[in-house]
Amino acid sequence: MELNGYLVKSTIVAALGGLLFGFDTAVIAGTTHDLTQAFHLTPGLLGFTVASALYGTIIGAMLAGLPGDRYGRRDSLRIMAVLYLVSALGCAFAWNWDALVAFRFIGGLGIGGSSVLGPMYIAEIAPAKWRGRLVGFFQFNIVFGILLAYFSNFVIGQMQFGLAEWRWELGVSGIPAAFFLAMLFGIPRSPRWLVKKRRVDEARDVLKLSGEKDFETELQDIVQSIDAEHGRGSEPLFTRKYRLPIFLAVSIAMFNQLSGINVILYYLNDIFAKAGFSKMSGDLQSVAIGATNLIATVIAMSIIDRVGRKKLLLIGSVGTAACMAGVAGIFLTNTHDNLLVWLLIGYIAFFAFSQGAVIWVFISEVFPNRVRAKGQSLGTFAHWFMNALISGIFPLMAASSGGAPFVFFSFMMVLQFFVVLFLYPETKGVSLEQMQRKLGIA
């Protein structure tokens, strides 16, 4: 089948949650210095301020499967859009540190929820031939949101807002949040969710409009896999037969954060400052790194359905391990500061080409239809839990030893290489229903 406008529009709208995900997680990098001064933050309190949104993402990811199953993926994304909007406005007008942390937590609920629901919705509406690229578009929007956040911080930094600069930087995301909410009223429900709710005729219409040529065969395959006729639309996730997909989802999510990616994204300006860069040059370097992230993601998306998920992960493991080792060497020896930007650009390129492009696709593929929402929530919860843990303690670790965290990240990527090599299956070109048979969980 070929891509049609109906399918493309549905994918783009659902992936807007990824843009807000990327923007809201990265924009904090430009505010850490101002927030430290405005609220007299210690390194520990700064870590908590950054991680406050991440605590929200943990809960949002953990609970998103409940409304996702009950009300549908699309309607639950509308709730996430409202949370994004409330968070943006709340941070812009925060009257004290407690209010700022509370509204960042609310934004985190939206990030965590959309990181579960967005990829799941796209995976369920996309045909196997295009699934890697279409779900990968969610990741494209994440990195585009990250670049947009860095560029937004740079532009706002030139406007001389003074003490109010951080308010503008955090509040401007309300614009795309409102657009996301409005656009969600123009896309269909997931056909697999509709079958799960025994609304088979509606599911057939969605598959037909999405351009699925053999939509009746596809529909019957979905019906059979969910066992809709027998009323077995859902079952417990934590059973022995799901141990492999649980391991795959949790491990790829944990390795994603053990690479150090969000330490780089959240504390990029602080890392440059520690290496001697000015605020102006640090903001510009951040834009360059965000652009590298975007370009590498586009390249990965263009080949993920041909090369496969596993090979991309293996290539990325080697590259990120080498770059993190180089960054560690700079901070441990206090030499070769001029290489820092290039090592970070290389690291971001390898990460975006591998883990960044693969994670949301892979997690959405390895669970069968009847437990996909729960499995997606579990994998995403593991991602955000590790994110909050690592990002929250990084300022303390970096204050005592600037190079030690990067040694750890490099070692984790070496470990990831061998786990992927020996334990991960290849999922390219396999329908979601065929995948559950391949993993022995039909």
Protein backbone atom coordinates (compact mmCIF):
# COMPACT_ATOMS: atom_id res chain seq x y z
CA MET A 1 0.00 0.00 0.00
CA GLU A 2 0.99 3.64 -0.46
CA LEU A 3 0.77 6.40 2.09
CA ASN A 4 -2.39 8.49 1.79
CA GLY A 5 -3.40 11.85 3.23
CA TYR A 6 -5.69 10.37 5.89
CA LEU A 7 -2.91 8.20 7.34
CA VAL A 8 -0.29 10.94 7.11
CA LYS A 9 -2.53 13.50 8.82
CA SER A 10 -3.35 11.11 11.68
CA THR A 11 0.34 10.35 12.17
CA ILE A 12 1.43 14.00 12.13
CA VAL A 13 -1.23 15.06 14.64
CA ALA A 14 -0.51 12.21 17.07
CA ALA A 15 3.20 12.94 16.75
CA LEU A 16 2.67 16.57 17.81
CA GLY A 17 2.68 15.16 21.34
CA GLY A 18 6.30 14.24 20.62
CA LEU A 19 7.12 17.83 19.65
CA LEU A 20 5.79 19.08 22.99
CA PHE A 21 7.58 16.19 24.74
CA GLY A 22 10.89 17.32 23.21
CA PHE A 23 10.31 21.02 23.74
CA ASP A 24 9.21 20.76 27.36
CA THR A 25 12.05 18.42 28.36
CA ALA A 26 14.85 20.41 26.66
CA VAL A 27 13.73 24.00 27.27
CA ILE A 28 14.85 23.76 30.91
CA ALA A 29 18.49 23.76 29.72
CA GLY A 30 18.31 27.49 28.98
CA THR A 31 16.73 28.39 32.33
CA THR A 32 18.91 26.61 34.89
CA HIS A 33 21.19 29.61 35.51
CA ASP A 34 18.31 32.10 35.86
CA LEU A 35 16.27 29.76 38.06
CA THR A 36 19.27 29.19 40.31
CA GLN A 37 19.59 32.95 40.80
CA ALA A 38 15.86 33.71 41.02
CA PHE A 39 15.14 31.08 43.67
CA HIS A 40 18.64 30.78 45.24
CA LEU A 41 18.87 27.09 44.38
CA THR A 42 21.57 24.74 45.66
CA PRO A 43 22.83 22.01 43.26
CA GLY A 44 20.43 19.59 44.96
CA LEU A 45 17.43 21.92 44.57
CA LEU A 46 18.36 22.63 40.95
CA GLY A 47 18.39 18.88 40.32
CA PHE A 48 14.96 18.60 41.96
CA THR A 49 13.61 21.51 39.87
CA VAL A 50 14.76 19.87 36.65
CA ALA A 51 13.55 16.45 37.78
CA SER A 52 10.15 17.72 39.01
CA ALA A 53 8.72 17.37 35.51
CA LEU A 54 10.24 13.91 35.33
CA TYR A 55 8.43 12.77 38.46
CA GLY A 56 5.26 13.74 36.62
CA THR A 57 6.32 11.75 33.56
CA ILE A 58 6.79 8.64 35.70
CA ILE A 59 3.21 8.84 36.98
CA GLY A 60 1.86 9.92 33.59
CA ALA A 61 3.54 6.99 31.85
CA MET A 62 2.48 4.53 34.55
CA LEU A 63 -1.19 5.54 34.41
CA ALA A 64 -1.66 6.48 30.74
CA GLY A 65 -2.62 2.94 29.75
CA LEU A 66 -5.78 3.16 31.91
CA PRO A 67 -7.53 6.01 30.03
CA GLY A 68 -5.85 4.74 26.84
CA ASP A 69 -7.74 1.46 27.18
CA ARG A 70 -10.95 2.91 28.54
CA TYR A 71 -11.45 6.06 26.47
CA GLY A 72 -9.17 5.32 23.53
CA ARG A 73 -5.72 6.48 22.50
CA ARG A 74 -6.96 9.57 20.63
CA ASP A 75 -9.27 10.91 23.34
CA SER A 76 -6.63 10.33 26.01
CA LEU A 77 -4.15 12.37 23.96
CA ARG A 78 -6.59 15.29 24.28
CA ILE A 79 -6.21 15.08 28.05
CA MET A 80 -2.42 15.22 27.60
CA ALA A 81 -2.75 18.33 25.43
CA VAL A 82 -4.72 20.09 28.18
CA LEU A 83 -2.01 19.19 30.71
CA TYR A 84 0.67 20.64 28.40
CA LEU A 85 -1.29 23.88 28.07
CA VAL A 86 -1.94 24.25 31.81
CA SER A 87 1.73 23.59 32.56
CA ALA A 88 3.01 26.19 30.07
CA LEU A 89 0.73 28.92 31.39
CA GLY A 90 1.38 27.96 35.00
CA CYS A 91 5.18 28.07 34.60
CA ALA A 92 4.97 31.43 32.84
CA PHE A 93 3.03 32.96 35.73
CA ALA A 94 4.53 30.93 38.61
CA TRP A 95 4.43 33.11 41.74
CA ASN A 96 7.06 31.14 43.69
CA TRP A 97 9.33 28.11 43.46
CA ASP A 98 6.67 25.73 44.79
CA ALA A 99 4.23 26.83 42.06
CA LEU A 100 6.91 26.40 39.39
CA VAL A 101 7.66 22.86 40.54
CA ALA A 102 3.95 22.01 40.70
CA PHE A 103 3.27 23.21 37.14
CA ARG A 104 6.38 21.45 35.83
CA PHE A 105 5.01 18.28 37.47
CA ILE A 106 1.70 18.77 35.62
CA GLY A 107 3.62 19.16 32.36
CA GLY A 108 5.44 15.95 33.19
CA LEU A 109 2.11 14.12 33.42
CA GLY A 110 1.41 15.23 29.85
CA ILE A 111 4.87 14.22 28.62
CA GLY A 112 4.70 10.79 30.24
CA GLY A 113 1.18 10.14 28.99
CA SER A 114 1.82 11.27 25.42
CA SER A 115 5.04 9.23 25.24
CA VAL A 116 2.87 6.15 25.85
CA LEU A 117 -0.20 7.07 23.84
CA GLY A 118 1.35 8.76 20.78
CA PRO A 119 3.57 5.89 19.58
CA MET A 120 0.90 3.35 20.49
CA TYR A 121 -1.74 5.17 18.44
CA ILE A 122 0.55 5.47 15.41
CA ALA A 123 1.68 1.82 15.66
CA GLU A 124 -1.94 0.68 15.73
CA ILE A 125 -3.03 2.71 12.73
CA ALA A 126 0.10 2.12 10.59
CA PRO A 127 0.62 -0.83 8.21
CA ALA A 128 3.66 -3.06 8.86
CA LYS A 129 5.45 -1.77 5.75
CA TRP A 130 5.46 1.82 7.03
CA ARG A 131 5.28 1.32 10.80
CA GLY A 132 8.95 1.99 11.56
CA ARG A 133 8.95 5.28 9.69
CA LEU A 134 5.54 6.42 10.91
CA VAL A 135 6.15 5.64 14.60
CA GLY A 136 9.64 7.05 14.05
CA PHE A 137 7.96 10.33 13.15
CA PHE A 138 7.07 10.64 16.83
CA GLN A 139 10.81 10.59 17.58
CA PHE A 140 11.41 13.07 14.75
CA ASN A 141 9.00 15.44 16.45
CA ILE A 142 10.73 14.91 19.79
CA VAL A 143 14.09 15.99 18.38
CA PHE A 144 12.46 18.78 16.36
CA GLY A 145 10.91 19.96 19.63
CA ILE A 146 14.34 19.82 21.27
CA LEU A 147 15.87 21.91 18.47
CA LEU A 148 12.92 24.31 18.66
CA ALA A 149 13.46 24.67 22.42
CA TYR A 150 17.17 25.46 22.01
CA PHE A 151 16.43 27.93 19.21
CA SER A 152 13.60 29.49 21.23
CA ASN A 153 15.93 29.91 24.21
CA PHE A 154 18.52 31.59 21.95
CA VAL A 155 15.96 33.98 20.43
CA ILE A 156 14.34 34.87 23.75
CA GLY A 157 17.83 35.34 25.23
CA GLN A 158 18.43 38.13 22.69
CA MET A 159 15.25 40.00 23.66
CA GLN A 160 16.58 41.39 26.94
CA PHE A 161 13.70 40.22 29.14
CA GLY A 162 16.01 40.28 32.14
CA LEU A 163 14.67 38.52 35.23
CA ALA A 164 11.53 37.47 33.32
CA GLU A 165 13.48 35.57 30.63
CA TRP A 166 12.89 32.13 32.13
CA ARG A 167 9.12 32.80 32.25
CA TRP A 168 9.02 33.41 28.50
CA GLU A 169 11.21 30.40 27.78
CA LEU A 170 8.95 28.05 29.76
CA GLY A 171 5.64 29.66 28.78
CA VAL A 172 6.00 29.83 25.01
CA SER A 173 5.20 26.10 24.66
CA GLY A 174 1.56 27.01 25.32
CA ILE A 175 1.24 27.94 21.63
CA PRO A 176 1.98 24.46 20.19
CA ALA A 177 0.02 22.89 23.07
CA ALA A 178 -3.15 24.75 22.05
CA PHE A 179 -2.58 23.78 18.39
CA PHE A 180 -2.11 20.11 19.37
CA LEU A 181 -5.39 20.11 21.30
CA ALA A 182 -7.31 21.62 18.39
CA MET A 183 -5.89 19.21 15.79
CA LEU A 184 -6.76 16.12 17.85
CA PHE A 185 -10.43 16.72 17.01
CA GLY A 186 -9.72 15.88 13.35
CA ILE A 187 -8.24 12.34 13.49
CA PRO A 188 -9.90 8.88 13.90
CA ARG A 189 -9.70 6.39 16.71
CA SER A 190 -7.23 3.50 16.60
CA PRO A 191 -8.72 0.55 14.63
CA ARG A 192 -7.23 -1.95 17.09
CA TRP A 193 -8.81 -0.12 20.05
CA LEU A 194 -12.14 -0.09 18.19
CA VAL A 195 -11.95 -3.87 17.66
CA LYS A 196 -11.06 -4.31 21.31
CA LYS A 197 -14.29 -2.46 22.15
CA ARG A 198 -16.16 -4.64 19.59
CA ARG A 199 -16.79 -1.65 17.30
CA VAL A 200 -15.66 -3.70 14.31
CA ASP A 201 -17.54 -1.73 11.63
CA GLU A 202 -15.87 1.51 12.74
CA ALA A 203 -12.48 -0.22 12.69
CA ARG A 204 -13.15 -1.42 9.14
CA ASP A 205 -13.90 2.16 8.04
CA VAL A 206 -10.65 3.46 9.57
CA LEU A 207 -8.57 0.73 7.89
CA LYS A 208 -10.26 1.45 4.56
CA LEU A 209 -9.71 5.21 4.83
CA SER A 210 -6.09 4.65 5.88
CA GLY A 211 -5.41 3.08 2.47
CA GLU A 212 -5.13 -0.56 3.57
CA LYS A 213 -5.82 -2.43 0.31
CA ASP A 214 -6.67 -5.79 1.91
CA PHE A 215 -8.46 -4.17 4.83
CA GLU A 216 -10.88 -7.07 5.41
CA THR A 217 -8.06 -9.60 5.90
CA GLU A 218 -6.22 -7.15 8.16
CA LEU A 219 -9.39 -6.59 10.16
CA GLN A 220 -10.00 -10.31 10.68
CA ASP A 221 -6.37 -10.78 11.77
CA ILE A 222 -6.85 -8.04 14.38
CA VAL A 223 -10.15 -9.53 15.55
CA GLN A 224 -8.58 -12.97 15.89
CA SER A 225 -5.53 -11.68 17.82
CA ILE A 226 -7.64 -9.75 20.31
CA ASP A 227 -10.16 -12.60 20.64
CA ALA A 228 -12.98 -10.08 20.55
CA GLU A 229 -15.58 -12.75 19.89
CA HIS A 230 -14.70 -14.53 23.12
CA GLY A 231 -14.57 -11.45 25.33
CA ARG A 232 -10.85 -11.76 26.09
CA GLY A 233 -10.00 -8.17 25.21
CA SER A 234 -7.53 -7.79 28.07
CA GLU A 235 -5.49 -9.87 30.48
CA PRO A 236 -2.75 -9.40 33.10
CA LEU A 237 0.64 -8.23 31.81
CA PHE A 238 2.82 -9.78 34.49
CA THR A 239 2.52 -13.41 33.49
CA ARG A 240 5.21 -15.87 32.47
CA LYS A 241 4.37 -15.81 28.76
CA TYR A 242 5.06 -12.06 28.55
CA ARG A 243 8.47 -12.19 30.22
CA LEU A 244 10.37 -11.66 26.94
CA PRO A 245 8.48 -8.56 25.73
CA ILE A 246 8.63 -7.15 29.28
CA PHE A 247 12.40 -7.63 29.34
CA LEU A 248 12.80 -6.09 25.87
CA ALA A 249 10.68 -3.02 26.67
CA VAL A 250 12.21 -2.35 30.10
CA SER A 251 15.79 -2.95 29.00
CA ILE A 252 15.66 -0.71 25.92
CA ALA A 253 13.98 2.01 28.02
CA MET A 254 16.62 1.81 30.75
CA PHE A 255 19.54 1.75 28.31
CA ASN A 256 18.04 4.80 26.59
CA GLN A 257 18.60 6.79 29.78
CA LEU A 258 21.77 5.02 30.91
CA SER A 259 23.34 6.42 27.75
CA GLY A 260 23.25 9.84 29.44
CA ILE A 261 21.14 11.47 26.73
CA ASN A 262 18.93 13.58 28.95
CA VAL A 263 21.79 14.68 31.18
CA ILE A 264 23.26 16.15 27.99
CA LEU A 265 19.96 17.71 26.90
CA TYR A 266 18.94 19.15 30.30
CA TYR A 267 22.35 20.38 31.45
CA LEU A 268 23.91 21.25 28.09
CA ASN A 269 24.43 24.92 28.94
CA ASP A 270 25.93 24.00 32.32
CA ILE A 271 28.28 21.48 30.67
CA PHE A 272 29.47 24.12 28.22
CA ALA A 273 29.86 26.65 31.02
CA LYS A 274 32.00 24.21 33.01
CA ALA A 275 34.20 23.82 29.93
CA GLY A 276 34.61 27.61 29.68
CA PHE A 277 32.01 28.65 27.10
CA SER A 278 30.05 31.89 27.51
CA LYS A 279 26.22 31.89 27.71
CA MET A 280 25.91 33.27 24.16
CA SER A 281 28.24 30.69 22.63
CA GLY A 282 26.70 27.93 24.78
CA ASP A 283 23.23 28.74 23.39
CA LEU A 284 24.56 28.64 19.83
CA GLN A 285 26.35 25.33 20.45
CA SER A 286 23.06 23.96 21.80
CA VAL A 287 21.30 24.89 18.56
CA ALA A 288 24.06 23.11 16.57
CA ILE A 289 23.63 19.98 18.70
CA GLY A 290 19.83 20.16 18.32
CA ALA A 291 20.22 20.42 14.54
CA THR A 292 22.56 17.39 14.53
CA ASN A 293 19.95 15.47 16.52
CA LEU A 294 17.31 16.31 13.91
CA ILE A 295 19.44 15.41 10.88
CA ALA A 296 20.56 12.06 12.34
CA THR A 297 16.96 11.21 13.24
CA VAL A 298 15.79 11.92 9.68
CA ILE A 299 18.53 9.65 8.30
CA ALA A 300 17.59 6.87 10.73
CA MET A 301 13.88 7.19 9.91
CA SER A 302 14.61 6.88 6.20
CA ILE A 303 16.38 3.52 6.63
CA ILE A 304 14.86 1.96 9.78
CA ASP A 305 12.43 -0.24 7.82
CA ARG A 306 15.21 -1.44 5.50
CA VAL A 307 18.21 -1.80 7.83
CA GLY A 308 16.20 -2.86 10.87
CA ARG A 309 16.02 -1.87 14.51
CA LYS A 310 18.71 -4.22 15.85
CA LYS A 311 21.51 -3.12 13.50
CA LEU A 312 20.87 0.57 14.27
CA LEU A 313 21.11 -0.15 18.00
CA LEU A 314 24.42 -1.97 17.58
CA ILE A 315 25.97 0.85 15.53
CA GLY A 316 24.77 3.43 18.03
CA SER A 317 26.14 1.52 21.02
CA VAL A 318 29.68 1.65 19.64
CA GLY A 319 29.51 5.33 18.67
CA THR A 320 27.94 6.64 21.88
CA ALA A 321 30.35 4.62 24.05
CA ALA A 322 33.35 6.11 22.25
CA CYS A 323 32.06 9.70 22.41
CA MET A 324 31.15 9.49 26.12
CA ALA A 325 34.62 8.11 26.85
CA GLY A 326 36.08 11.16 25.09
CA VAL A 327 33.91 13.60 27.08
CA ALA A 328 34.95 11.86 30.31
CA GLY A 329 38.60 12.27 29.31
CA ILE A 330 38.17 16.03 28.82
CA PHE A 331 36.66 16.57 32.27
CA LEU A 332 39.03 14.21 34.06
CA THR A 333 42.18 15.76 32.54
CA ASN A 334 40.94 19.35 32.08
CA THR A 335 42.49 19.37 28.61
CA HIS A 336 41.30 19.50 24.98
CA ASP A 337 38.21 21.60 25.81
CA ASN A 338 38.03 22.51 22.11
CA LEU A 339 37.00 18.92 21.33
CA LEU A 340 33.97 18.95 23.67
CA VAL A 341 31.51 20.36 21.14
CA TRP A 342 32.57 17.85 18.48
CA LEU A 343 32.37 14.89 20.85
CA LEU A 344 28.89 15.94 21.98
CA ILE A 345 27.78 16.44 18.37
CA GLY A 346 29.11 12.96 17.56
CA TYR A 347 27.39 11.50 20.60
CA ILE A 348 24.04 13.09 19.70
CA ALA A 349 24.36 11.89 16.09
CA PHE A 350 25.00 8.28 17.12
CA PHE A 351 22.24 8.37 19.75
CA ALA A 352 19.65 9.86 17.39
CA PHE A 353 20.62 7.38 14.67
CA SER A 354 20.07 4.42 17.00
CA GLN A 355 18.36 4.57 20.39
CA GLY A 356 16.50 7.77 19.63
CA ALA A 357 14.94 6.44 16.42
CA VAL A 358 14.30 2.90 17.66
CA ILE A 359 12.97 3.06 21.24
CA TRP A 360 9.35 4.14 20.69
CA VAL A 361 9.02 1.95 17.60
CA PHE A 362 10.41 -1.11 19.37
CA ILE A 363 8.33 -0.79 22.55
CA SER A 364 5.15 -0.38 20.49
CA GLU A 365 5.94 -3.55 18.51
CA VAL A 366 6.86 -6.21 21.07
CA PHE A 367 3.56 -6.47 22.99
CA PRO A 368 0.41 -8.22 21.70
CA ASN A 369 -2.74 -6.17 21.12
CA ARG A 370 -4.53 -7.20 24.30
CA VAL A 371 -1.77 -5.95 26.64
CA ARG A 372 -0.16 -3.28 24.44
CA ALA A 373 -1.38 -0.32 26.51
CA LYS A 374 -0.09 -1.90 29.73
CA GLY A 375 3.20 -2.92 28.12
CA GLN A 376 3.73 0.49 26.53
CA SER A 377 3.09 2.08 29.94
CA LEU A 378 5.59 -0.26 31.61
CA GLY A 379 8.36 0.43 29.09
CA THR A 380 7.73 4.17 29.16
CA PHE A 381 7.59 4.15 32.98
CA ALA A 382 11.03 2.50 33.06
CA HIS A 383 12.33 5.18 30.67
CA TRP A 384 11.08 8.09 32.77
CA PHE A 385 12.01 6.53 36.11
CA MET A 386 15.64 6.20 35.01
CA ASN A 387 15.48 9.68 33.49
CA ALA A 388 14.35 11.24 36.77
CA LEU A 389 16.88 9.26 38.81
CA ILE A 390 19.88 10.14 36.63
CA SER A 391 18.92 13.76 35.90
CA GLY A 392 18.14 14.46 39.54
CA ILE A 393 21.53 13.31 40.88
CA PHE A 394 23.72 14.54 38.00
CA PRO A 395 24.39 18.03 39.45
CA LEU A 396 25.66 16.42 42.66
CA MET A 397 27.81 13.88 40.78
CA ALA A 398 29.22 16.52 38.43
CA ALA A 399 29.99 18.86 41.32
CA SER A 400 32.22 16.24 42.98
CA SER A 401 33.70 14.71 39.81
CA GLY A 402 32.95 16.19 36.41
CA GLY A 403 34.15 13.14 34.48
CA ALA A 404 32.78 10.20 36.50
CA PRO A 405 29.19 10.29 35.13
CA PHE A 406 30.47 10.13 31.55
CA VAL A 407 32.66 7.10 32.32
CA PHE A 408 29.54 5.37 33.64
CA PHE A 409 27.49 6.27 30.55
CA SER A 410 30.21 4.93 28.26
CA PHE A 411 30.32 1.61 30.13
CA MET A 412 26.52 1.27 29.92
CA MET A 413 26.64 1.61 26.13
CA VAL A 414 29.24 -1.17 25.93
CA LEU A 415 26.90 -3.36 27.99
CA GLN A 416 23.97 -2.42 25.73
CA PHE A 417 25.90 -3.64 22.67
CA PHE A 418 26.14 -7.19 24.00
CA VAL A 419 22.57 -7.32 25.34
CA VAL A 420 21.19 -6.24 21.96
CA LEU A 421 23.52 -8.56 20.04
CA PHE A 422 22.52 -11.71 21.92
CA LEU A 423 18.94 -11.08 23.13
CA TYR A 424 17.05 -8.65 20.89
CA PRO A 425 14.92 -9.90 17.95
CA GLU A 426 14.56 -8.01 14.68
CA THR A 427 11.06 -6.57 14.21
CA LYS A 428 11.24 -4.85 10.81
CA GLY A 429 8.54 -5.68 8.25
CA VAL A 430 6.51 -7.86 10.63
CA SER A 431 2.85 -7.06 11.39
CA LEU A 432 1.89 -6.58 15.03
CA GLU A 433 -0.11 -9.81 14.92
CA GLN A 434 2.77 -11.75 13.33
CA MET A 435 5.14 -10.33 15.94
CA GLN A 436 3.25 -11.86 18.82
CA ARG A 437 3.44 -15.24 17.09
CA LYS A 438 7.17 -14.75 16.46
CA LEU A 439 7.74 -14.07 20.18
CA GLY A 440 5.65 -17.10 21.15
CA ILE A 441 2.86 -15.08 22.76
CA ALA A 442 0.02 -15.53 20.25
